[in-house]
Amino acid sequence: REIDTRGLLASLYERLGRIDEAIAQLDGALALDDK
């Protein structure tokens, strides 16, 4: 659920143009599952 939530949050941050925050969310998701 955390991975899925971070992915959706990353998409929302991207739509706001806040790319660094979007990437940070994906960093967190991949820290939980690097595959």
PDB file of all heavy atoms in Angstrom:
ATOM      1  N   ARG A   1       0.834  -1.208   0.000  1.00  0.00           N
ATOM      2  CA  ARG A   1       0.000   0.000   0.000  1.00  0.00           C
ATOM      3  C   ARG A   1       0.869   1.259   0.000  1.00  0.00           C
ATOM      4  O   ARG A   1       0.531   2.252  -0.643  1.00  0.00           O
ATOM      5  CB  ARG A   1      -0.934   0.008   1.207  1.00  0.00           C
ATOM      6  CG  ARG A   1      -2.067  -0.989   1.100  1.00  0.00           C
ATOM      7  CD  ARG A   1      -3.036  -0.840   2.238  1.00  0.00           C
ATOM      8  NE  ARG A   1      -4.057  -1.875   2.201  1.00  0.00           N
ATOM      9  CZ  ARG A   1      -5.012  -2.002   3.114  1.00  0.00           C
ATOM     10  NH1 ARG A   1      -5.074  -1.162   4.125  1.00  0.00           N
ATOM     11  NH2 ARG A   1      -5.907  -2.972   3.019  1.00  0.00           N
ATOM     12  N   GLU A   2       1.978   1.214   0.746  1.00  0.00           N
ATOM     13  CA  GLU A   2       2.855   2.379   0.763  1.00  0.00           C
ATOM     14  C   GLU A   2       3.469   2.613  -0.612  1.00  0.00           C
ATOM     15  O   GLU A   2       3.538   3.756  -1.084  1.00  0.00           O
ATOM     16  CB  GLU A   2       3.962   2.216   1.808  1.00  0.00           C
ATOM     17  CG  GLU A   2       4.893   3.405   1.836  1.00  0.00           C
ATOM     18  CD  GLU A   2       5.926   3.353   2.952  1.00  0.00           C
ATOM     19  OE1 GLU A   2       5.799   2.506   3.866  1.00  0.00           O
ATOM     20  OE2 GLU A   2       6.881   4.171   2.898  1.00  0.00           O
ATOM     21  N   ILE A   3       3.891   1.541  -1.279  1.00  0.00           N
ATOM     22  CA  ILE A   3       4.469   1.671  -2.616  1.00  0.00           C
ATOM     23  C   ILE A   3       3.443   2.271  -3.583  1.00  0.00           C
ATOM     24  O   ILE A   3       3.744   3.203  -4.336  1.00  0.00           O
ATOM     25  CB  ILE A   3       4.961   0.299  -3.120  1.00  0.00           C
ATOM     26  CG1 ILE A   3       6.177  -0.157  -2.309  1.00  0.00           C
ATOM     27  CG2 ILE A   3       5.314   0.360  -4.608  1.00  0.00           C
ATOM     28  CD1 ILE A   3       6.574  -1.599  -2.554  1.00  0.00           C
ATOM     29  N   ASP A   4       2.228   1.733  -3.546  1.00  0.00           N
ATOM     30  CA  ASP A   4       1.184   2.230  -4.445  1.00  0.00           C
ATOM     31  C   ASP A   4       0.844   3.691  -4.154  1.00  0.00           C
ATOM     32  O   ASP A   4       0.642   4.497  -5.078  1.00  0.00           O
ATOM     33  CB  ASP A   4      -0.078   1.376  -4.311  1.00  0.00           C
ATOM     34  CG  ASP A   4       0.112  -0.038  -4.839  1.00  0.00           C
ATOM     35  OD1 ASP A   4       1.090  -0.266  -5.583  1.00  0.00           O
ATOM     36  OD2 ASP A   4      -0.709  -0.910  -4.502  1.00  0.00           O
ATOM     37  N   THR A   5       0.774   4.032  -2.866  1.00  0.00           N
ATOM     38  CA  THR A   5       0.445   5.409  -2.481  1.00  0.00           C
ATOM     39  C   THR A   5       1.528   6.374  -2.930  1.00  0.00           C
ATOM     40  O   THR A   5       1.242   7.461  -3.441  1.00  0.00           O
ATOM     41  CB  THR A   5       0.254   5.508  -0.957  1.00  0.00           C
ATOM     42  OG1 THR A   5      -0.794   4.618  -0.561  1.00  0.00           O
ATOM     43  CG2 THR A   5      -0.114   6.930  -0.539  1.00  0.00           C
ATOM     44  N   ARG A   6       2.778   5.977  -2.751  1.00  0.00           N
ATOM     45  CA  ARG A   6       3.887   6.840  -3.183  1.00  0.00           C
ATOM     46  C   ARG A   6       3.876   7.030  -4.699  1.00  0.00           C
ATOM     47  O   ARG A   6       4.162   8.125  -5.196  1.00  0.00           O
ATOM     48  CB  ARG A   6       5.225   6.249  -2.724  1.00  0.00           C
ATOM     49  CG  ARG A   6       5.473   6.398  -1.224  1.00  0.00           C
ATOM     50  CD  ARG A   6       6.852   5.877  -0.857  1.00  0.00           C
ATOM     51  NE  ARG A   6       7.152   6.060   0.552  1.00  0.00           N
ATOM     52  CZ  ARG A   6       7.593   7.189   1.102  1.00  0.00           C
ATOM     53  NH1 ARG A   6       7.778   8.258   0.326  1.00  0.00           N
ATOM     54  NH2 ARG A   6       7.848   7.271   2.391  1.00  0.00           N
ATOM     55  N   GLY A   7       3.531   5.984  -5.435  1.00  0.00           N
ATOM     56  CA  GLY A   7       3.457   6.117  -6.888  1.00  0.00           C
ATOM     57  C   GLY A   7       2.381   7.102  -7.320  1.00  0.00           C
ATOM     58  O   GLY A   7       2.597   7.930  -8.207  1.00  0.00           O
ATOM     59  N   LEU A   8       1.223   7.032  -6.663  1.00  0.00           N
ATOM     60  CA  LEU A   8       0.139   7.954  -6.994  1.00  0.00           C
ATOM     61  C   LEU A   8       0.480   9.375  -6.569  1.00  0.00           C
ATOM     62  O   LEU A   8       0.214  10.340  -7.297  1.00  0.00           O
ATOM     63  CB  LEU A   8      -1.156   7.486  -6.325  1.00  0.00           C
ATOM     64  CG  LEU A   8      -2.442   8.238  -6.668  1.00  0.00           C
ATOM     65  CD1 LEU A   8      -2.619   8.407  -8.176  1.00  0.00           C
ATOM     66  CD2 LEU A   8      -3.647   7.518  -6.066  1.00  0.00           C
ATOM     67  N   LEU A   9       1.103   9.521  -5.402  1.00  0.00           N
ATOM     68  CA  LEU A   9       1.539  10.846  -4.963  1.00  0.00           C
ATOM     69  C   LEU A   9       2.564  11.431  -5.928  1.00  0.00           C
ATOM     70  O   LEU A   9       2.547  12.635  -6.223  1.00  0.00           O
ATOM     71  CB  LEU A   9       2.123  10.773  -3.555  1.00  0.00           C
ATOM     72  CG  LEU A   9       1.122  10.842  -2.406  1.00  0.00           C
ATOM     73  CD1 LEU A   9       1.808  10.493  -1.088  1.00  0.00           C
ATOM     74  CD2 LEU A   9       0.488  12.230  -2.315  1.00  0.00           C
ATOM     75  N   ALA A  10       3.463  10.587  -6.424  1.00  0.00           N
ATOM     76  CA  ALA A  10       4.467  11.061  -7.382  1.00  0.00           C
ATOM     77  C   ALA A  10       3.791  11.624  -8.633  1.00  0.00           C
ATOM     78  O   ALA A  10       4.194  12.669  -9.159  1.00  0.00           O
ATOM     79  CB  ALA A  10       5.417   9.920  -7.758  1.00  0.00           C
ATOM     80  N   SER A  11       2.731  10.954  -9.094  1.00  0.00           N
ATOM     81  CA  SER A  11       2.000  11.445 -10.268  1.00  0.00           C
ATOM     82  C   SER A  11       1.353  12.794  -9.989  1.00  0.00           C
ATOM     83  O   SER A  11       1.339  13.681 -10.847  1.00  0.00           O
ATOM     84  CB  SER A  11       0.925  10.426 -10.672  1.00  0.00           C
ATOM     85  OG  SER A  11       1.521   9.215 -11.090  1.00  0.00           O
ATOM     86  N   LEU A  12       0.818  12.953  -8.787  1.00  0.00           N
ATOM     87  CA  LEU A  12       0.174  14.222  -8.428  1.00  0.00           C
ATOM     88  C   LEU A  12       1.211  15.349  -8.319  1.00  0.00           C
ATOM     89  O   LEU A  12       0.982  16.462  -8.799  1.00  0.00           O
ATOM     90  CB  LEU A  12      -0.585  14.064  -7.116  1.00  0.00           C
ATOM     91  CG  LEU A  12      -1.811  13.142  -7.173  1.00  0.00           C
ATOM     92  CD1 LEU A  12      -2.321  12.845  -5.773  1.00  0.00           C
ATOM     93  CD2 LEU A  12      -2.913  13.756  -8.026  1.00  0.00           C
ATOM     94  N   TYR A  13       2.341  15.069  -7.680  1.00  0.00           N
ATOM     95  CA  TYR A  13       3.406  16.080  -7.593  1.00  0.00           C
ATOM     96  C   TYR A  13       3.916  16.457  -8.978  1.00  0.00           C
ATOM     97  O   TYR A  13       4.217  17.630  -9.247  1.00  0.00           O
ATOM     98  CB  TYR A  13       4.559  15.566  -6.730  1.00  0.00           C
ATOM     99  CG  TYR A  13       4.329  15.705  -5.246  1.00  0.00           C
ATOM    100  CD1 TYR A  13       4.399  14.604  -4.396  1.00  0.00           C
ATOM    101  CD2 TYR A  13       4.059  16.957  -4.675  1.00  0.00           C
ATOM    102  CE1 TYR A  13       4.198  14.732  -3.027  1.00  0.00           C
ATOM    103  CE2 TYR A  13       3.858  17.094  -3.311  1.00  0.00           C
ATOM    104  CZ  TYR A  13       3.920  15.980  -2.496  1.00  0.00           C
ATOM    105  OH  TYR A  13       3.711  16.127  -1.138  1.00  0.00           O
ATOM    106  N   GLU A  14       4.001  15.467  -9.858  1.00  0.00           N
ATOM    107  CA  GLU A  14       4.441  15.749 -11.226  1.00  0.00           C
ATOM    108  C   GLU A  14       3.471  16.711 -11.913  1.00  0.00           C
ATOM    109  O   GLU A  14       3.879  17.640 -12.614  1.00  0.00           O
ATOM    110  CB  GLU A  14       4.544  14.447 -12.018  1.00  0.00           C
ATOM    111  CG  GLU A  14       5.024  14.657 -13.449  1.00  0.00           C
ATOM    112  CD  GLU A  14       5.044  13.378 -14.267  1.00  0.00           C
ATOM    113  OE1 GLU A  14       4.682  12.311 -13.713  1.00  0.00           O
ATOM    114  OE2 GLU A  14       5.392  13.442 -15.455  1.00  0.00           O
ATOM    115  N   ARG A  15       2.180  16.524 -11.715  1.00  0.00           N
ATOM    116  CA  ARG A  15       1.188  17.408 -12.320  1.00  0.00           C
ATOM    117  C   ARG A  15       1.297  18.834 -11.789  1.00  0.00           C
ATOM    118  O   ARG A  15       0.950  19.788 -12.480  1.00  0.00           O
ATOM    119  CB  ARG A  15      -0.222  16.871 -12.056  1.00  0.00           C
ATOM    120  CG  ARG A  15      -0.516  15.549 -12.748  1.00  0.00           C
ATOM    121  CD  ARG A  15      -1.962  15.166 -12.536  1.00  0.00           C
ATOM    122  NE  ARG A  15      -2.256  13.835 -13.069  1.00  0.00           N
ATOM    123  CZ  ARG A  15      -3.476  13.369 -13.276  1.00  0.00           C
ATOM    124  NH1 ARG A  15      -4.533  14.130 -13.000  1.00  0.00           N
ATOM    125  NH2 ARG A  15      -3.667  12.166 -13.746  1.00  0.00           N
ATOM    126  N   LEU A  16       1.783  18.956 -10.559  1.00  0.00           N
ATOM    127  CA  LEU A  16       1.997  20.286  -9.988  1.00  0.00           C
ATOM    128  C   LEU A  16       3.328  20.889 -10.418  1.00  0.00           C
ATOM    129  O   LEU A  16       3.638  22.039 -10.075  1.00  0.00           O
ATOM    130  CB  LEU A  16       1.939  20.217  -8.455  1.00  0.00           C
ATOM    131  CG  LEU A  16       0.566  19.956  -7.833  1.00  0.00           C
ATOM    132  CD1 LEU A  16       0.707  19.703  -6.327  1.00  0.00           C
ATOM    133  CD2 LEU A  16      -0.394  21.103  -8.104  1.00  0.00           C
ATOM    134  N   GLY A  17       4.138  20.108 -11.138  1.00  0.00           N
ATOM    135  CA  GLY A  17       5.455  20.577 -11.561  1.00  0.00           C
ATOM    136  C   GLY A  17       6.508  20.462 -10.478  1.00  0.00           C
ATOM    137  O   GLY A  17       7.619  20.991 -10.628  1.00  0.00           O
ATOM    138  N   ARG A  18       6.207  19.758  -9.403  1.00  0.00           N
ATOM    139  CA  ARG A  18       7.143  19.602  -8.277  1.00  0.00           C
ATOM    140  C   ARG A  18       7.900  18.279  -8.458  1.00  0.00           C
ATOM    141  O   ARG A  18       7.647  17.283  -7.783  1.00  0.00           O
ATOM    142  CB  ARG A  18       6.377  19.672  -6.959  1.00  0.00           C
ATOM    143  CG  ARG A  18       5.800  21.064  -6.720  1.00  0.00           C
ATOM    144  CD  ARG A  18       4.589  21.094  -5.808  1.00  0.00           C
ATOM    145  NE  ARG A  18       4.862  20.634  -4.449  1.00  0.00           N
ATOM    146  CZ  ARG A  18       3.954  20.667  -3.467  1.00  0.00           C
ATOM    147  NH1 ARG A  18       2.734  21.148  -3.705  1.00  0.00           N
ATOM    148  NH2 ARG A  18       4.248  20.222  -2.262  1.00  0.00           N
ATOM    149  N   ILE A  19       8.840  18.303  -9.406  1.00  0.00           N
ATOM    150  CA  ILE A  19       9.504  17.080  -9.858  1.00  0.00           C
ATOM    151  C   ILE A  19      10.377  16.463  -8.768  1.00  0.00           C
ATOM    152  O   ILE A  19      10.415  15.236  -8.607  1.00  0.00           O
ATOM    153  CB  ILE A  19      10.344  17.355 -11.123  1.00  0.00           C
ATOM    154  CG1 ILE A  19       9.434  17.940 -12.229  1.00  0.00           C
ATOM    155  CG2 ILE A  19      11.011  16.074 -11.609  1.00  0.00           C
ATOM    156  CD1 ILE A  19       8.251  17.078 -12.588  1.00  0.00           C
ATOM    157  N   ASP A  20      11.093  17.301  -8.010  1.00  0.00           N
ATOM    158  CA  ASP A  20      11.946  16.756  -6.952  1.00  0.00           C
ATOM    159  C   ASP A  20      11.121  15.975  -5.935  1.00  0.00           C
ATOM    160  O   ASP A  20      11.548  14.912  -5.459  1.00  0.00           O
ATOM    161  CB  ASP A  20      12.715  17.882  -6.257  1.00  0.00           C
ATOM    162  CG  ASP A  20      13.818  18.454  -7.128  1.00  0.00           C
ATOM    163  OD1 ASP A  20      14.217  17.782  -8.104  1.00  0.00           O
ATOM    164  OD2 ASP A  20      14.297  19.568  -6.839  1.00  0.00           O
ATOM    165  N   GLU A  21       9.939  16.500  -5.589  1.00  0.00           N
ATOM    166  CA  GLU A  21       9.083  15.795  -4.628  1.00  0.00           C
ATOM    167  C   GLU A  21       8.507  14.520  -5.231  1.00  0.00           C
ATOM    168  O   GLU A  21       8.339  13.507  -4.525  1.00  0.00           O
ATOM    169  CB  GLU A  21       7.962  16.722  -4.158  1.00  0.00           C
ATOM    170  CG  GLU A  21       8.463  17.820  -3.228  1.00  0.00           C
ATOM    171  CD  GLU A  21       7.446  18.912  -3.020  1.00  0.00           C
ATOM    172  OE1 GLU A  21       7.334  19.795  -3.899  1.00  0.00           O
ATOM    173  OE2 GLU A  21       6.763  18.889  -1.970  1.00  0.00           O
ATOM    174  N   ALA A  22       8.226  14.553  -6.520  1.00  0.00           N
ATOM    175  CA  ALA A  22       7.749  13.344  -7.199  1.00  0.00           C
ATOM    176  C   ALA A  22       8.828  12.265  -7.166  1.00  0.00           C
ATOM    177  O   ALA A  22       8.544  11.097  -6.837  1.00  0.00           O
ATOM    178  CB  ALA A  22       7.370  13.669  -8.636  1.00  0.00           C
ATOM    179  N   ILE A  23      10.057  12.645  -7.475  1.00  0.00           N
ATOM    180  CA  ILE A  23      11.156  11.676  -7.462  1.00  0.00           C
ATOM    181  C   ILE A  23      11.399  11.154  -6.050  1.00  0.00           C
ATOM    182  O   ILE A  23      11.677   9.962  -5.850  1.00  0.00           O
ATOM    183  CB  ILE A  23      12.432  12.307  -8.057  1.00  0.00           C
ATOM    184  CG1 ILE A  23      12.243  12.524  -9.573  1.00  0.00           C
ATOM    185  CG2 ILE A  23      13.651  11.435  -7.788  1.00  0.00           C
ATOM    186  CD1 ILE A  23      13.387  13.259 -10.248  1.00  0.00           C
ATOM    187  N   ALA A  24      11.265  12.024  -5.049  1.00  0.00           N
ATOM    188  CA  ALA A  24      11.458  11.593  -3.657  1.00  0.00           C
ATOM    189  C   ALA A  24      10.442  10.513  -3.270  1.00  0.00           C
ATOM    190  O   ALA A  24      10.779   9.555  -2.553  1.00  0.00           O
ATOM    191  CB  ALA A  24      11.342  12.789  -2.722  1.00  0.00           C
ATOM    192  N   GLN A  25       9.202  10.658  -3.741  1.00  0.00           N
ATOM    193  CA  GLN A  25       8.201   9.634  -3.458  1.00  0.00           C
ATOM    194  C   GLN A  25       8.588   8.300  -4.099  1.00  0.00           C
ATOM    195  O   GLN A  25       8.432   7.231  -3.497  1.00  0.00           O
ATOM    196  CB  GLN A  25       6.829  10.079  -3.961  1.00  0.00           C
ATOM    197  CG  GLN A  25       6.203  11.210  -3.181  1.00  0.00           C
ATOM    198  CD  GLN A  25       5.882  10.839  -1.750  1.00  0.00           C
ATOM    199  OE1 GLN A  25       5.691   9.664  -1.415  1.00  0.00           O
ATOM    200  NE2 GLN A  25       5.823  11.838  -0.876  1.00  0.00           N
ATOM    201  N   LEU A  26       9.105   8.357  -5.309  1.00  0.00           N
ATOM    202  CA  LEU A  26       9.511   7.129  -5.998  1.00  0.00           C
ATOM    203  C   LEU A  26      10.762   6.537  -5.367  1.00  0.00           C
ATOM    204  O   LEU A  26      10.927   5.310  -5.333  1.00  0.00           O
ATOM    205  CB  LEU A  26       9.733   7.426  -7.480  1.00  0.00           C
ATOM    206  CG  LEU A  26       8.455   7.867  -8.209  1.00  0.00           C
ATOM    207  CD1 LEU A  26       8.781   8.445  -9.575  1.00  0.00           C
ATOM    208  CD2 LEU A  26       7.471   6.703  -8.347  1.00  0.00           C
ATOM    209  N   ASP A  27      11.647   7.386  -4.843  1.00  0.00           N
ATOM    210  CA  ASP A  27      12.797   6.889  -4.076  1.00  0.00           C
ATOM    211  C   ASP A  27      12.307   6.047  -2.892  1.00  0.00           C
ATOM    212  O   ASP A  27      12.835   4.966  -2.607  1.00  0.00           O
ATOM    213  CB  ASP A  27      13.639   8.051  -3.547  1.00  0.00           C
ATOM    214  CG  ASP A  27      14.412   8.777  -4.639  1.00  0.00           C
ATOM    215  OD1 ASP A  27      14.558   8.223  -5.744  1.00  0.00           O
ATOM    216  OD2 ASP A  27      14.860   9.915  -4.374  1.00  0.00           O
ATOM    217  N   GLY A  28      11.280   6.567  -2.206  1.00  0.00           N
ATOM    218  CA  GLY A  28      10.724   5.845  -1.059  1.00  0.00           C
ATOM    219  C   GLY A  28      10.091   4.532  -1.469  1.00  0.00           C
ATOM    220  O   GLY A  28      10.223   3.520  -0.766  1.00  0.00           O
ATOM    221  N   ALA A  29       9.402   4.518  -2.595  1.00  0.00           N
ATOM    222  CA  ALA A  29       8.784   3.285  -3.073  1.00  0.00           C
ATOM    223  C   ALA A  29       9.837   2.242  -3.417  1.00  0.00           C
ATOM    224  O   ALA A  29       9.713   1.057  -3.061  1.00  0.00           O
ATOM    225  CB  ALA A  29       7.922   3.580  -4.297  1.00  0.00           C
ATOM    226  N   LEU A  30      10.903   2.675  -4.092  1.00  0.00           N
ATOM    227  CA  LEU A  30      11.950   1.733  -4.503  1.00  0.00           C
ATOM    228  C   LEU A  30      12.828   1.297  -3.335  1.00  0.00           C
ATOM    229  O   LEU A  30      13.459   0.240  -3.406  1.00  0.00           O
ATOM    230  CB  LEU A  30      12.786   2.348  -5.624  1.00  0.00           C
ATOM    231  CG  LEU A  30      12.040   2.427  -6.968  1.00  0.00           C
ATOM    232  CD1 LEU A  30      12.705   3.392  -7.922  1.00  0.00           C
ATOM    233  CD2 LEU A  30      11.913   1.035  -7.587  1.00  0.00           C
ATOM    234  N   ALA A  31      12.857   2.063  -2.261  1.00  0.00           N
ATOM    235  CA  ALA A  31      13.557   1.624  -1.053  1.00  0.00           C
ATOM    236  C   ALA A  31      12.853   0.418  -0.437  1.00  0.00           C
ATOM    237  O   ALA A  31      13.479  -0.421   0.216  1.00  0.00           O
ATOM    238  CB  ALA A  31      13.623   2.769  -0.046  1.00  0.00           C
ATOM    239  N   LEU A  32      11.543   0.324  -0.657  1.00  0.00           N
ATOM    240  CA  LEU A  32      10.775  -0.804  -0.152  1.00  0.00           C
ATOM    241  C   LEU A  32      10.809  -1.989  -1.111  1.00  0.00           C
ATOM    242  O   LEU A  32      10.731  -3.143  -0.691  1.00  0.00           O
ATOM    243  CB  LEU A  32       9.320  -0.384   0.077  1.00  0.00           C
ATOM    244  CG  LEU A  32       9.088   0.651   1.172  1.00  0.00           C
ATOM    245  CD1 LEU A  32       7.657   1.164   1.123  1.00  0.00           C
ATOM    246  CD2 LEU A  32       9.385   0.058   2.547  1.00  0.00           C
ATOM    247  N   ASP A  33      10.913  -1.720  -2.406  1.00  0.00           N
ATOM    248  CA  ASP A  33      10.963  -2.782  -3.415  1.00  0.00           C
ATOM    249  C   ASP A  33      11.735  -2.257  -4.623  1.00  0.00           C
ATOM    250  O   ASP A  33      11.182  -1.542  -5.460  1.00  0.00           O
ATOM    251  CB  ASP A  33       9.558  -3.208  -3.822  1.00  0.00           C
ATOM    252  CG  ASP A  33       9.556  -4.335  -4.850  1.00  0.00           C
ATOM    253  OD1 ASP A  33      10.656  -4.801  -5.233  1.00  0.00           O
ATOM    254  OD2 ASP A  33       8.462  -4.747  -5.277  1.00  0.00           O
ATOM    255  N   ASP A  34      13.012  -2.606  -4.697  1.00  0.00           N
ATOM    256  CA  ASP A  34      13.854  -2.056  -5.767  1.00  0.00           C
ATOM    257  C   ASP A  34      13.579  -2.687  -7.130  1.00  0.00           C
ATOM    258  O   ASP A  34      14.184  -2.297  -8.132  1.00  0.00           O
ATOM    259  CB  ASP A  34      15.338  -2.183  -5.414  1.00  0.00           C
ATOM    260  CG  ASP A  34      15.796  -3.628  -5.237  1.00  0.00           C
ATOM    261  OD1 ASP A  34      14.961  -4.549  -5.413  1.00  0.00           O
ATOM    262  OD2 ASP A  34      16.969  -3.835  -4.909  1.00  0.00           O
ATOM    263  N   LYS A  35      12.644  -3.645  -7.170  1.00  0.00           N
ATOM    264  CA  LYS A  35      12.286  -4.279  -8.446  1.00  0.00           C
ATOM    265  C   LYS A  35      10.874  -3.891  -8.887  1.00  0.00           C
ATOM    266  O   LYS A  35      10.321  -4.523  -9.789  1.00  0.00           O
ATOM    267  CB  LYS A  35      12.407  -5.799  -8.324  1.00  0.00           C
ATOM    268  CG  LYS A  35      13.852  -6.280  -8.159  1.00  0.00           C
ATOM    269  CD  LYS A  35      13.919  -7.793  -8.060  1.00  0.00           C
ATOM    270  CE  LYS A  35      15.356  -8.280  -8.084  1.00  0.00           C
ATOM    271  NZ  LYS A  35      16.182  -7.692  -7.011  1.00  0.00           N
TER     272      LYS A  35
END
